[in-house]
C-alpha cells in the first residue's frame, strides 16, 4: 500500500518527524512509544533494543497502530495501521547509527549488552488528517 501522496513530506528524512508506535501488552493494555523511524518506500522500519517492551509486544502480536505528526503543524498527522512482516538483528547497529545521525546529528553511542533489532511494518490502512 503506497504512502499517501499528500503526506510524503512526513516520510522525508529531512522532516525528522517522530512516529508514535502503539503496541499491545501481554495483558491487553495498549502501550505507546515515540520512536525514530525509516522506511523502504513501502514499509515502515522501526529500530529498538531487543528485549524492550515494544520488541516483545510486536513479536507476540504483530498488529500495530502508528501516528506520524507533522513537526511544523501538530494538527496535521497521518494515522497508520499495520502488521509486522519481518524483524532482524542484521544491520541493526548500522541502522540505529544512521537514525541517530539523522535525528540527533551525531553517531549512535553503543551501550554494553544492547542488541539492536529492525522491525519491518507493512501498512494496511491510512487515516490522514490535514
Protein backbone atom coordinates (compact mmCIF):
# COMPACT_ATOMS: atom_id res chain seq x y z
CA UNK A 1 0.00 0.00 0.00
CA UNK A 2 1.69 3.24 -1.12
CA UNK A 3 2.13 6.10 1.32
CA UNK A 4 -0.47 8.87 0.71
CA UNK A 5 0.92 11.43 -1.73
CA UNK A 6 -0.14 14.46 0.34
CA UNK A 7 1.84 13.16 3.35
CA UNK A 8 5.08 12.08 1.66
CA UNK A 9 6.90 15.00 3.27
CA UNK A 10 6.43 13.34 6.70
CA UNK A 11 8.39 10.32 5.42
CA UNK A 12 11.25 12.52 4.19
CA UNK A 13 14.40 12.18 6.36
CA UNK A 14 14.84 15.96 6.37
CA UNK A 15 11.48 16.41 8.16
CA UNK A 16 12.68 14.45 11.21
CA UNK A 17 9.11 13.60 12.19
CA UNK A 18 8.64 11.22 15.08
CA UNK A 19 6.43 8.17 14.81
CA UNK A 20 4.20 7.22 17.76
CA UNK A 21 4.05 3.42 17.85
CA UNK A 22 1.17 1.66 19.60
CA UNK A 23 1.55 -1.99 20.54
CA UNK A 24 -0.46 -4.26 22.84
CA UNK A 25 0.94 -5.54 26.13
CA UNK A 26 0.57 -9.16 27.22
CA UNK A 27 -2.36 -8.15 29.47
CA UNK A 28 -4.18 -6.48 26.55
CA UNK A 29 -3.38 -2.91 27.57
CA UNK A 30 -2.09 -0.52 24.88
CA UNK A 31 1.46 0.82 25.01
CA UNK A 32 2.62 3.87 23.02
CA UNK A 33 6.20 4.97 22.37
CA UNK A 34 7.58 7.85 20.28
CA UNK A 35 10.33 6.48 18.03
CA UNK A 36 12.68 7.40 15.25
CA UNK A 37 11.71 5.67 12.04
CA UNK A 38 12.75 4.99 8.50
CA UNK A 39 11.09 3.37 5.51
CA UNK A 40 11.98 1.34 2.44
CA UNK A 41 9.43 3.03 0.17
CA UNK A 42 6.66 0.57 1.08
CA UNK A 43 7.18 -0.40 4.73
CA UNK A 44 7.91 1.42 7.98
CA UNK A 45 11.21 0.46 9.67
CA UNK A 46 11.50 0.70 13.46
CA UNK A 47 14.73 0.04 15.37
CA UNK A 48 14.75 -0.91 19.04
CA UNK A 49 16.80 -2.82 21.55
CA UNK A 50 15.96 -6.50 21.73
CA UNK A 51 14.10 -7.26 24.95
CA UNK A 52 12.30 -3.93 25.27
CA UNK A 53 8.55 -3.92 25.74
CA UNK A 54 7.75 -2.88 22.16
CA UNK A 55 10.07 -5.63 20.90
CA UNK A 56 8.30 -8.28 22.97
CA UNK A 57 4.86 -6.91 22.09
CA UNK A 58 5.48 -6.85 18.32
CA UNK A 59 6.91 -10.37 18.35
CA UNK A 60 3.87 -11.66 20.23
CA UNK A 61 1.21 -9.62 18.39
CA UNK A 62 2.26 -8.20 15.01
CA UNK A 63 -0.67 -5.79 14.53
CA UNK A 64 0.27 -2.21 15.43
CA UNK A 65 -1.02 1.34 15.06
CA UNK A 66 1.13 4.38 14.38
CA UNK A 67 0.85 8.15 14.08
CA UNK A 68 3.34 10.41 12.33
CA UNK A 69 2.81 14.02 13.39
CA UNK A 70 3.99 16.97 11.35
CA UNK A 71 6.66 18.73 13.47
CA UNK A 72 5.62 22.07 11.95
CA UNK A 73 1.85 21.63 12.42
CA UNK A 74 0.68 19.39 15.29
CA UNK A 75 -2.85 19.27 13.83
CA UNK A 76 -1.56 17.61 10.67
CA UNK A 77 -0.81 13.93 11.06
CA UNK A 78 -1.29 10.56 9.50
CA UNK A 79 -2.60 7.52 11.32
CA UNK A 80 -1.38 4.15 10.08
CA UNK A 81 -2.45 0.64 10.91
CA UNK A 82 -0.03 -2.09 10.01
CA UNK A 83 1.40 -5.52 10.58
CA UNK A 84 4.95 -6.56 11.40
CA UNK A 85 6.04 -8.71 8.46
CA UNK A 86 9.70 -9.22 9.41
CA UNK A 87 12.31 -8.49 12.02
CA UNK A 88 16.07 -8.93 12.03
CA UNK A 89 19.15 -8.04 14.02
CA UNK A 90 21.23 -7.99 10.80
CA UNK A 91 22.30 -4.40 10.19
CA UNK A 92 20.62 -3.20 13.40
CA UNK A 93 23.64 -1.31 14.71
CA UNK A 94 24.25 0.42 11.37
CA UNK A 95 20.57 1.32 11.08
CA UNK A 96 20.36 2.90 14.55
CA UNK A 97 23.59 4.82 13.82
CA UNK A 98 22.02 6.21 10.62
CA UNK A 99 18.87 7.20 12.54
CA UNK A 100 20.94 8.84 15.31
CA UNK A 101 22.90 10.89 12.78
CA UNK A 102 19.62 11.91 11.11
CA UNK A 103 17.69 12.84 14.25
CA UNK A 104 20.46 13.89 16.66
CA UNK A 105 23.24 14.83 14.25
CA UNK A 106 25.75 12.53 15.94
CA UNK A 107 26.83 8.88 15.87
CA UNK A 108 24.99 6.32 17.96
CA UNK A 109 26.63 5.52 21.28
CA UNK A 110 26.71 1.75 21.72
CA UNK A 111 25.58 0.58 25.13
CA UNK A 112 27.03 -2.65 26.51
CA UNK A 113 24.68 -5.59 26.15
CA UNK A 114 22.39 -4.00 23.57
CA UNK A 115 21.32 -5.95 20.54
CA UNK A 116 19.51 -3.77 18.02
CA UNK A 117 16.60 -5.18 16.03
CA UNK A 118 14.83 -3.74 12.99
CA UNK A 119 11.09 -4.33 12.57
CA UNK A 120 9.54 -4.07 9.11
CA UNK A 121 5.90 -2.97 9.33
CA UNK A 122 3.62 -3.19 6.30
CA UNK A 123 0.90 -0.51 6.34
CA UNK A 124 -2.62 -1.91 5.93
CA UNK A 125 -4.56 1.37 6.14
CA UNK A 126 -4.02 5.11 6.42
CA UNK A 127 -6.11 7.80 8.13
CA UNK A 128 -4.95 11.24 7.01
CA UNK A 129 -5.64 14.44 8.97
CA UNK A 130 -4.80 17.71 7.26
